[in-house]
N, C-alpha and C. Protein backbone atom coordinates (compact mmCIF):
# COMPACT_ATOMS: atom_id res chain seq x y z
N MET A 1 13.55 6.23 2.18
CA MET A 1 13.65 5.27 3.26
C MET A 1 14.44 4.09 2.70
N ASP A 2 15.09 3.61 3.92
CA ASP A 2 16.34 3.03 3.05
C ASP A 2 15.72 1.83 4.37
N ILE A 3 16.33 0.81 3.49
CA ILE A 3 16.49 -0.39 4.78
C ILE A 3 18.10 -1.10 4.76
N ARG A 4 18.07 -2.04 5.79
CA ARG A 4 19.60 -2.74 6.24
C ARG A 4 19.21 -3.72 6.51
N GLN A 5 19.97 -5.02 6.41
CA GLN A 5 20.11 -6.07 7.44
C GLN A 5 19.74 -5.88 8.36
N TYR A 6 18.78 -7.09 9.25
CA TYR A 6 18.54 -6.83 10.45
C TYR A 6 19.24 -7.55 11.54
N ASP A 7 19.98 -7.04 12.51
CA ASP A 7 20.81 -6.96 13.37
C ASP A 7 19.67 -7.25 14.84
N PRO A 8 19.78 -8.60 15.51
CA PRO A 8 19.19 -9.10 16.57
C PRO A 8 19.64 -8.21 17.49
N ASP A 9 20.57 -8.07 17.76
CA ASP A 9 21.39 -7.18 19.34
C ASP A 9 20.81 -6.17 19.07
N LYS A 10 20.89 -5.54 18.45
CA LYS A 10 20.38 -3.97 18.03
C LYS A 10 18.89 -3.56 17.70
N ASP A 11 18.22 -4.51 17.09
CA ASP A 11 16.43 -4.50 16.66
C ASP A 11 15.65 -5.25 17.28
N PHE A 12 16.04 -6.52 17.93
CA PHE A 12 14.72 -6.84 18.48
C PHE A 12 14.20 -6.53 19.78
N ASP A 13 14.95 -5.96 20.28
CA ASP A 13 14.18 -4.78 21.23
C ASP A 13 13.07 -3.85 20.83
N VAL A 14 13.34 -3.36 19.79
CA VAL A 14 12.66 -2.30 19.31
C VAL A 14 10.95 -3.08 18.56
N ILE A 15 11.58 -4.15 18.00
CA ILE A 15 10.36 -4.79 17.24
C ILE A 15 9.76 -5.68 17.92
N LYS A 16 10.10 -6.49 18.78
CA LYS A 16 9.85 -7.40 19.68
C LYS A 16 7.82 -6.76 19.97
N ASP A 17 7.82 -5.87 20.63
CA ASP A 17 6.31 -5.65 21.29
C ASP A 17 5.36 -4.67 19.84
N TRP A 18 5.87 -4.76 18.70
CA TRP A 18 5.12 -4.31 17.57
C TRP A 18 3.86 -4.82 17.57
N ILE A 19 3.48 -5.90 17.89
CA ILE A 19 2.55 -6.78 17.91
C ILE A 19 2.59 -6.87 19.44
N THR A 20 0.89 -6.59 19.82
CA THR A 20 0.23 -6.35 20.92
C THR A 20 -0.86 -7.64 21.35
N ASP A 21 -1.12 -8.35 20.29
CA ASP A 21 -2.03 -9.38 20.81
C ASP A 21 -2.51 -10.61 20.04
N ARG A 22 -3.03 -11.32 20.71
CA ARG A 22 -2.78 -12.82 20.01
C ARG A 22 -3.05 -12.54 18.42
N ARG A 23 -3.83 -12.27 18.07
CA ARG A 23 -4.64 -12.26 16.66
C ARG A 23 -3.81 -11.32 15.84
N SER A 24 -3.32 -10.24 15.84
CA SER A 24 -2.63 -9.70 15.75
C SER A 24 -1.60 -10.54 15.18
N HIS A 25 -0.92 -11.20 16.42
CA HIS A 25 0.35 -11.91 16.00
C HIS A 25 0.29 -13.23 15.05
N ALA A 26 -0.97 -13.61 15.52
CA ALA A 26 -1.15 -14.78 13.97
C ALA A 26 -1.43 -14.29 12.73
N LEU A 27 -2.28 -13.21 12.57
CA LEU A 27 -2.19 -12.88 11.04
C LEU A 27 -0.76 -12.57 10.89
N TRP A 28 -0.06 -12.27 11.55
CA TRP A 28 1.64 -11.67 10.95
C TRP A 28 2.18 -12.89 10.61
N CYS A 29 2.13 -13.79 11.21
CA CYS A 29 2.97 -15.04 11.67
C CYS A 29 2.62 -16.57 11.30
N ALA A 30 1.23 -16.77 11.24
CA ALA A 30 0.67 -17.95 11.42
C ALA A 30 0.85 -18.93 12.59
N ASP A 31 1.18 -17.92 13.53
CA ASP A 31 1.73 -19.00 14.59
C ASP A 31 2.92 -19.60 14.62
N ARG A 32 3.92 -18.93 13.96
CA ARG A 32 4.42 -20.18 13.16
C ARG A 32 5.58 -20.14 15.02
N VAL A 33 6.14 -19.05 15.60
CA VAL A 33 6.61 -18.11 16.77
C VAL A 33 5.25 -18.29 17.73
N SER A 34 5.61 -18.35 19.13
CA SER A 34 4.79 -17.62 20.25
C SER A 34 4.62 -16.41 20.20
N PHE A 35 3.32 -16.18 21.15
CA PHE A 35 2.96 -15.07 21.57
C PHE A 35 2.89 -14.83 23.05
N PRO A 36 3.98 -13.51 23.41
CA PRO A 36 4.37 -12.54 22.97
C PRO A 36 5.64 -13.69 22.03
N LEU A 37 6.46 -12.13 21.77
CA LEU A 37 7.32 -12.57 20.27
C LEU A 37 9.05 -12.80 21.58
N ARG A 38 9.27 -13.67 21.53
CA ARG A 38 10.74 -14.42 22.05
C ARG A 38 11.59 -14.44 21.71
N ARG A 39 13.06 -13.60 21.78
CA ARG A 39 14.05 -13.51 21.11
C ARG A 39 14.60 -14.81 20.50
N GLU A 40 14.93 -15.50 21.63
CA GLU A 40 15.42 -17.05 20.90
C GLU A 40 14.32 -18.10 19.83
N GLU A 41 13.45 -17.88 20.53
CA GLU A 41 12.12 -18.62 19.58
C GLU A 41 12.31 -17.63 18.17
N PHE A 42 12.51 -16.55 17.97
CA PHE A 42 12.08 -15.72 16.50
C PHE A 42 14.05 -15.67 16.12
N ASP A 43 14.73 -15.95 16.65
CA ASP A 43 16.32 -16.29 16.11
C ASP A 43 16.01 -17.24 15.30
N ARG A 44 15.48 -18.31 16.22
CA ARG A 44 15.60 -19.74 15.11
C ARG A 44 14.84 -19.37 14.09
N LEU A 45 13.28 -19.09 14.23
CA LEU A 45 12.43 -19.13 12.94
C LEU A 45 13.33 -18.47 11.71
N LEU A 46 14.13 -17.27 12.36
CA LEU A 46 14.97 -16.76 11.46
C LEU A 46 15.76 -17.44 10.68
N ALA A 47 16.39 -18.02 11.37
CA ALA A 47 17.84 -19.08 11.06
C ALA A 47 17.37 -20.34 10.02
N ASP A 48 16.24 -20.42 10.52
CA ASP A 48 15.55 -22.07 9.64
C ASP A 48 14.88 -21.59 8.21
N GLU A 49 14.08 -19.76 8.39
CA GLU A 49 13.77 -19.66 7.01
C GLU A 49 14.77 -19.35 6.19
N TYR A 50 16.33 -18.85 6.77
CA TYR A 50 17.32 -18.65 6.07
C TYR A 50 17.81 -19.93 5.43
N GLU A 51 17.83 -20.63 6.44
CA GLU A 51 18.38 -21.92 5.96
C GLU A 51 17.66 -23.08 4.55
N ARG A 52 16.44 -22.55 4.57
CA ARG A 52 15.43 -23.59 4.23
C ARG A 52 15.01 -22.71 3.02
N PHE A 53 15.06 -21.28 2.69
CA PHE A 53 14.64 -20.57 1.70
C PHE A 53 15.73 -19.41 1.42
N GLY A 54 16.74 -19.10 2.54
CA GLY A 54 17.52 -18.01 1.76
C GLY A 54 16.78 -16.40 1.90
N ASN A 55 15.94 -16.72 3.09
CA ASN A 55 15.42 -15.63 3.72
C ASN A 55 16.18 -14.55 4.10
N LYS A 56 16.43 -13.51 4.16
CA LYS A 56 16.91 -12.46 4.84
C LYS A 56 16.24 -11.68 5.26
N ALA A 57 16.35 -11.51 6.44
CA ALA A 57 15.64 -10.15 7.47
C ALA A 57 16.02 -8.99 7.25
N TYR A 58 15.51 -8.21 7.50
CA TYR A 58 15.74 -6.39 6.70
C TYR A 58 14.65 -5.40 7.99
N ILE A 59 15.16 -4.62 8.00
CA ILE A 59 14.75 -3.42 8.92
C ILE A 59 14.72 -2.25 8.16
N SER A 60 13.42 -1.65 7.99
CA SER A 60 13.08 -0.33 7.48
C SER A 60 13.27 0.70 8.56
N VAL A 61 14.13 1.78 7.70
CA VAL A 61 14.64 3.04 8.44
C VAL A 61 14.11 4.23 7.95
N ASN A 62 13.44 5.06 8.26
CA ASN A 62 12.76 6.56 8.10
C ASN A 62 13.48 7.17 8.77
N GLY A 63 14.33 8.09 8.16
CA GLY A 63 14.63 9.34 9.05
C GLY A 63 15.24 9.00 10.01
N GLY A 64 16.49 8.16 9.89
CA GLY A 64 16.81 7.60 10.94
C GLY A 64 15.86 6.72 12.05
N ARG A 65 14.96 6.19 11.88
CA ARG A 65 13.96 5.57 13.13
C ARG A 65 13.53 4.14 12.19
N THR A 66 13.60 2.90 12.91
CA THR A 66 13.49 2.29 12.46
C THR A 66 11.93 1.89 12.63
N VAL A 67 11.14 1.99 11.34
CA VAL A 67 9.99 1.63 11.20
C VAL A 67 9.05 0.30 10.86
N GLY A 68 10.17 -0.42 10.19
CA GLY A 68 9.59 -1.28 9.70
C GLY A 68 10.44 -2.96 9.49
N PHE A 69 9.85 -3.97 9.54
CA PHE A 69 10.59 -5.32 9.65
C PHE A 69 10.17 -6.14 8.51
N PHE A 70 10.78 -6.51 7.60
CA PHE A 70 10.35 -8.03 6.55
C PHE A 70 11.52 -9.03 6.34
N CYS A 71 11.37 -9.67 5.65
CA CYS A 71 12.11 -11.20 4.82
C CYS A 71 12.06 -11.06 3.68
N ILE A 72 12.99 -11.21 2.60
CA ILE A 72 12.67 -11.42 1.18
C ILE A 72 13.60 -12.73 1.17
N SER A 73 13.18 -13.23 -0.11
CA SER A 73 14.44 -14.31 -0.35
C SER A 73 14.00 -14.31 -2.00
N ARG A 74 14.86 -14.70 -2.84
CA ARG A 74 14.56 -15.19 -4.10
C ARG A 74 14.53 -16.53 -4.31
N SER A 75 13.46 -17.36 -4.72
CA SER A 75 13.44 -18.62 -5.35
C SER A 75 14.49 -19.16 -6.24
N GLY A 76 15.37 -20.41 -5.60
CA GLY A 76 16.33 -21.02 -6.45
C GLY A 76 16.29 -21.42 -7.83
N GLY A 77 16.41 -20.54 -8.95
CA GLY A 77 16.34 -21.16 -10.17
C GLY A 77 15.26 -20.44 -10.80
N SER A 78 14.44 -19.83 -10.33
CA SER A 78 13.19 -18.83 -10.68
C SER A 78 13.37 -17.70 -10.39
N SER A 79 12.45 -16.62 -10.88
CA SER A 79 12.98 -15.03 -11.02
C SER A 79 11.93 -14.48 -9.88
N GLU A 80 11.47 -15.44 -9.05
CA GLU A 80 10.26 -14.89 -7.69
C GLU A 80 10.97 -14.71 -6.50
N ALA A 81 10.71 -13.91 -5.86
CA ALA A 81 10.86 -13.36 -4.82
C ALA A 81 9.79 -13.54 -3.92
N MET A 82 9.96 -13.71 -2.80
CA MET A 82 8.73 -13.96 -1.49
C MET A 82 8.92 -12.90 -0.30
N LEU A 83 8.21 -11.74 -0.15
CA LEU A 83 8.15 -11.31 1.06
C LEU A 83 7.71 -11.95 2.36
N LYS A 84 7.76 -11.68 3.26
CA LYS A 84 7.27 -12.60 4.52
C LYS A 84 7.53 -11.59 5.77
N PHE A 85 6.61 -11.83 7.09
CA PHE A 85 6.89 -11.27 8.34
C PHE A 85 6.92 -10.06 8.07
N ILE A 86 5.79 -9.17 7.04
CA ILE A 86 5.99 -7.76 6.86
C ILE A 86 5.62 -7.34 8.49
N MET A 87 6.18 -6.00 8.94
CA MET A 87 5.71 -5.79 10.29
C MET A 87 6.02 -4.33 10.45
N LEU A 88 5.15 -3.31 10.79
CA LEU A 88 5.50 -2.10 10.68
C LEU A 88 4.66 -1.46 12.29
N ALA A 89 5.86 -0.53 12.54
CA ALA A 89 5.14 -0.48 13.85
C ALA A 89 4.44 0.61 14.10
N PRO A 90 3.47 0.46 15.13
CA PRO A 90 2.34 0.45 15.35
C PRO A 90 1.81 2.32 15.18
N ASP A 91 3.11 2.88 15.60
CA ASP A 91 2.67 4.44 15.45
C ASP A 91 2.82 4.85 13.67
N GLU A 92 3.42 3.85 13.53
CA GLU A 92 3.45 4.72 11.28
C GLU A 92 2.64 3.43 10.83
N ARG A 93 1.64 2.90 11.45
CA ARG A 93 0.48 2.66 10.74
C ARG A 93 -0.66 3.65 10.08
N GLY A 94 -0.90 3.83 9.01
CA GLY A 94 -1.96 4.42 8.11
C GLY A 94 -1.48 5.78 7.79
N ARG A 95 -0.57 5.70 7.65
CA ARG A 95 0.76 7.09 7.26
C ARG A 95 1.28 6.64 6.12
N GLY A 96 1.09 6.06 4.95
CA GLY A 96 1.75 5.46 3.82
C GLY A 96 2.88 5.12 4.42
N ILE A 97 3.57 5.01 5.25
CA ILE A 97 4.96 4.29 5.65
C ILE A 97 4.93 2.93 5.16
N GLY A 98 3.86 2.11 5.16
CA GLY A 98 3.95 0.87 5.16
C GLY A 98 4.04 0.54 3.66
N THR A 99 3.13 1.43 2.89
CA THR A 99 3.23 1.37 1.15
C THR A 99 4.72 1.87 0.53
N GLU A 100 5.11 2.42 0.88
CA GLU A 100 6.52 2.95 1.04
C GLU A 100 7.64 1.93 1.23
N MET A 101 7.82 1.03 2.66
CA MET A 101 8.55 -0.02 2.70
C MET A 101 8.28 -1.14 1.82
N LEU A 102 7.68 -1.73 1.82
CA LEU A 102 6.94 -2.19 0.23
C LEU A 102 7.78 -1.87 -0.82
N LYS A 103 7.61 -0.75 -1.24
CA LYS A 103 8.39 -0.59 -2.34
C LYS A 103 9.69 -0.29 -2.54
N THR A 104 10.14 0.11 -1.26
CA THR A 104 11.28 -0.13 -1.03
C THR A 104 12.33 -1.70 -1.11
N ALA A 105 11.29 -2.70 -0.30
CA ALA A 105 11.46 -3.94 -0.92
C ALA A 105 11.74 -4.80 -2.09
N VAL A 106 10.14 -3.99 -2.77
CA VAL A 106 10.18 -4.62 -4.15
C VAL A 106 11.52 -4.14 -5.06
N PHE A 107 11.77 -2.67 -5.05
CA PHE A 107 12.93 -1.98 -5.41
C PHE A 107 14.64 -3.46 -5.19
N HIS A 108 14.36 -3.66 -3.88
CA HIS A 108 15.05 -4.23 -3.53
C HIS A 108 15.41 -5.38 -4.11
N ALA A 109 14.04 -6.36 -4.37
CA ALA A 109 14.09 -7.55 -4.97
C ALA A 109 14.27 -7.76 -6.43
N PHE A 110 13.89 -6.41 -7.09
CA PHE A 110 14.07 -6.48 -8.59
C PHE A 110 15.87 -6.06 -9.15
N GLY A 111 15.76 -5.09 -8.39
CA GLY A 111 17.38 -4.24 -8.32
C GLY A 111 18.28 -5.05 -7.88
N VAL A 112 18.63 -5.98 -6.69
CA VAL A 112 19.77 -6.38 -5.94
C VAL A 112 19.50 -7.92 -6.00
N LEU A 113 18.31 -8.64 -6.19
CA LEU A 113 17.84 -10.01 -6.37
C LEU A 113 17.95 -9.87 -7.64
N GLY A 114 17.28 -9.72 -8.41
CA GLY A 114 17.14 -9.60 -9.65
C GLY A 114 15.91 -10.46 -10.38
N ALA A 115 14.68 -10.13 -9.36
CA ALA A 115 13.68 -10.96 -9.63
C ALA A 115 12.69 -10.01 -10.25
N ASP A 116 11.89 -10.85 -11.40
CA ASP A 116 10.80 -10.30 -11.90
C ASP A 116 9.46 -10.04 -11.69
N THR A 117 9.28 -11.34 -10.62
CA THR A 117 8.08 -11.09 -9.58
C THR A 117 8.13 -10.70 -8.00
N VAL A 118 7.16 -10.32 -7.81
CA VAL A 118 7.30 -10.43 -6.06
C VAL A 118 6.49 -11.03 -5.55
N LYS A 119 5.99 -12.31 -4.74
CA LYS A 119 4.85 -12.13 -4.22
C LYS A 119 5.23 -12.22 -2.50
N LEU A 120 3.89 -12.18 -2.20
CA LEU A 120 3.76 -12.53 -0.61
C LEU A 120 2.35 -13.19 -0.23
N CYS A 121 2.08 -13.50 1.02
CA CYS A 121 0.67 -13.94 1.33
C CYS A 121 0.46 -13.10 2.34
N VAL A 122 -1.04 -12.87 2.57
CA VAL A 122 -1.89 -12.44 3.23
C VAL A 122 -3.22 -13.28 3.82
N PHE A 123 -3.15 -13.05 4.96
CA PHE A 123 -4.84 -13.55 5.42
C PHE A 123 -5.84 -12.84 4.89
N SER A 124 -7.03 -13.38 4.54
CA SER A 124 -7.99 -12.90 4.10
C SER A 124 -8.63 -11.82 5.10
N ALA A 125 -8.48 -12.58 6.44
CA ALA A 125 -9.00 -11.50 7.94
C ALA A 125 -7.98 -9.99 7.88
N ASN A 126 -6.83 -10.13 7.13
CA ASN A 126 -5.85 -8.80 7.64
C ASN A 126 -6.32 -7.51 6.82
N ALA A 127 -7.69 -7.12 6.49
CA ALA A 127 -7.70 -5.86 5.64
C ALA A 127 -6.78 -4.72 5.57
N ALA A 128 -6.35 -4.37 6.64
CA ALA A 128 -5.56 -3.17 6.64
C ALA A 128 -4.26 -3.72 6.06
N ALA A 129 -3.83 -4.89 6.25
CA ALA A 129 -2.51 -5.55 5.46
C ALA A 129 -2.59 -5.24 3.78
N ARG A 130 -3.96 -6.20 3.33
CA ARG A 130 -4.29 -6.56 1.82
C ARG A 130 -4.65 -4.71 1.27
N ARG A 131 -5.00 -3.84 2.08
CA ARG A 131 -5.29 -2.48 1.42
C ARG A 131 -3.69 -1.95 1.39
N CYS A 132 -2.75 -2.40 2.51
CA CYS A 132 -1.42 -1.57 1.77
C CYS A 132 -1.22 -2.41 0.65
N TYR A 133 -0.71 -3.52 0.84
CA TYR A 133 -0.38 -4.30 -0.42
C TYR A 133 -0.74 -3.85 -1.58
N GLY A 134 -2.08 -3.43 -1.95
CA GLY A 134 -2.85 -3.16 -3.20
C GLY A 134 -2.59 -1.52 -3.44
N LYS A 135 -1.99 -0.95 -2.33
CA LYS A 135 -1.70 0.41 -2.83
C LYS A 135 -0.15 0.22 -3.32
N ALA A 136 0.36 -0.71 -2.84
CA ALA A 136 2.18 -0.81 -3.31
C ALA A 136 1.99 -1.47 -4.62
N GLY A 137 0.90 -1.68 -5.19
CA GLY A 137 0.51 -2.59 -6.46
C GLY A 137 0.79 -3.95 -6.63
N PHE A 138 0.56 -4.51 -5.23
CA PHE A 138 0.50 -6.18 -5.37
C PHE A 138 -0.69 -6.34 -5.78
N GLU A 139 -1.13 -7.25 -6.32
CA GLU A 139 -2.44 -7.54 -6.86
C GLU A 139 -2.81 -9.31 -6.43
N GLU A 140 -4.27 -9.41 -5.94
CA GLU A 140 -4.36 -11.08 -5.84
C GLU A 140 -4.45 -11.97 -6.93
N ILE A 141 -3.74 -12.91 -6.59
CA ILE A 141 -3.72 -13.78 -7.88
C ILE A 141 -4.14 -15.26 -7.49
N HIS A 142 -4.57 -15.61 -6.15
CA HIS A 142 -4.64 -16.90 -5.90
C HIS A 142 -5.39 -16.89 -4.37
N THR A 143 -6.25 -17.76 -4.03
CA THR A 143 -6.59 -17.76 -2.96
C THR A 143 -7.19 -19.16 -2.28
N GLU A 144 -6.63 -19.40 -1.44
CA GLU A 144 -6.65 -21.09 -0.79
C GLU A 144 -7.66 -20.64 0.67
N PRO A 145 -8.87 -21.32 0.15
CA PRO A 145 -9.69 -20.95 1.56
C PRO A 145 -8.94 -21.88 2.85
N ALA A 146 -9.54 -21.03 3.51
CA ALA A 146 -9.78 -22.00 4.99
C ALA A 146 -8.12 -22.20 5.27
N ALA A 147 -7.06 -21.70 5.16
CA ALA A 147 -5.83 -22.29 5.10
C ALA A 147 -5.43 -21.98 6.84
N PHE A 148 -5.95 -21.11 7.46
CA PHE A 148 -5.50 -21.00 8.97
C PHE A 148 -6.90 -20.81 9.95
N VAL A 149 -6.75 -21.64 10.60
CA VAL A 149 -7.83 -21.37 11.98
C VAL A 149 -7.70 -21.08 13.27
N PHE A 150 -8.16 -19.88 13.43
CA PHE A 150 -7.78 -19.09 14.80
C PHE A 150 -9.03 -19.51 15.51
N GLY A 151 -9.33 -19.70 16.55
CA GLY A 151 -10.00 -20.07 17.13
C GLY A 151 -11.45 -20.42 16.38
N GLU A 152 -12.63 -19.75 16.45
CA GLU A 152 -13.46 -20.36 15.68
C GLU A 152 -13.27 -19.44 14.10
N GLU A 153 -12.56 -18.48 13.53
CA GLU A 153 -12.15 -17.97 12.54
C GLU A 153 -11.62 -18.93 11.44
N LYS A 154 -11.74 -19.18 10.49
CA LYS A 154 -11.00 -19.72 9.28
C LYS A 154 -11.12 -18.72 8.25
N TRP A 155 -9.33 -18.54 8.05
CA TRP A 155 -8.84 -17.61 7.21
C TRP A 155 -8.54 -18.27 5.89
N ASP A 156 -9.16 -17.61 5.01
CA ASP A 156 -8.36 -17.86 3.52
C ASP A 156 -6.80 -17.60 3.56
N ARG A 157 -5.82 -17.82 2.56
CA ARG A 157 -4.44 -17.55 2.27
C ARG A 157 -4.69 -16.95 1.18
N CYS A 158 -4.29 -15.73 1.37
CA CYS A 158 -4.20 -14.88 -0.12
C CYS A 158 -3.19 -14.64 -0.60
N ILE A 159 -2.75 -15.42 -2.40
CA ILE A 159 -1.55 -15.22 -2.46
C ILE A 159 -1.30 -13.62 -3.56
N MET A 160 -0.14 -12.74 -3.48
CA MET A 160 -0.33 -11.14 -3.93
C MET A 160 0.85 -11.43 -4.55
N GLN A 161 1.01 -10.80 -5.84
CA GLN A 161 2.42 -10.28 -6.71
C GLN A 161 2.28 -8.94 -7.17
N ILE A 162 3.46 -8.98 -7.40
CA ILE A 162 3.80 -7.89 -8.37
C ILE A 162 5.03 -8.07 -9.21
N LEU A 163 4.66 -7.47 -10.56
CA LEU A 163 5.07 -7.85 -11.61
C LEU A 163 6.68 -7.09 -11.65
N ARG A 164 8.09 -6.75 -12.19
CA ARG A 164 8.70 -5.95 -12.50
C ARG A 164 8.09 -4.57 -13.50
N LYS A 165 7.36 -5.47 -14.64
CA LYS A 165 6.89 -4.23 -15.65
C LYS A 165 5.80 -3.25 -15.02
N ASP A 166 5.03 -4.05 -14.29
CA ASP A 166 3.80 -3.02 -13.41
C ASP A 166 4.68 -1.73 -12.24
N THR A 167 6.00 -1.77 -11.69
CA THR A 167 5.87 -0.73 -11.23
C THR A 167 6.32 0.37 -11.99
N THR A 168 6.24 0.43 -12.84
CA THR A 168 6.87 2.10 -13.73
C THR A 168 5.84 2.84 -13.24
N LEU A 169 4.70 2.73 -12.98
CA LEU A 169 3.49 3.75 -12.65
C LEU A 169 4.33 4.39 -11.52
N TRP A 170 5.01 3.96 -10.53
CA TRP A 170 5.11 4.86 -8.94
C TRP A 170 6.93 4.67 -8.95
N GLN A 171 8.07 4.41 -9.96
CA GLN A 171 9.16 4.36 -9.81
C GLN A 171 10.08 5.32 -9.52
N LYS A 172 10.80 5.59 -8.39
CA LYS A 172 11.20 6.76 -8.53
C LYS A 172 12.07 7.04 -8.91
């Protein structure tokens, strides 16, 4: 699996329909952008995330096919990187591709960004994502109760992390 920087002109039309319902959309972005995903609004979100946190957007490519999207940044002055807005092509889910994408992102964070820790946030209601993150080596370190409300549901926000020293089990 390879990653490359996201190119909105090339990639937006590929990823824009990967999230097909409002609940999945809220699980993915906490309603930071409208559903369905619109290019102009998504571009603004990515620009804001870059300006505020240094987040860079990436595309995952497997066998020449675009299979995933994520953003990653390294916190200024710390050794922590943060993964956000992780998305996988629907026909790739449940096949281990998400786990491989996360491992590739973690290698990037450790090798290119120089991070010692990679963190991400996931809602407790997103069981599939939590399983995927766990398979990639992430462990829950904190839970913020009722951090987000979707309709009648209250979702806890789980913070997960992986440490550089913990990746030796699955390094290439």
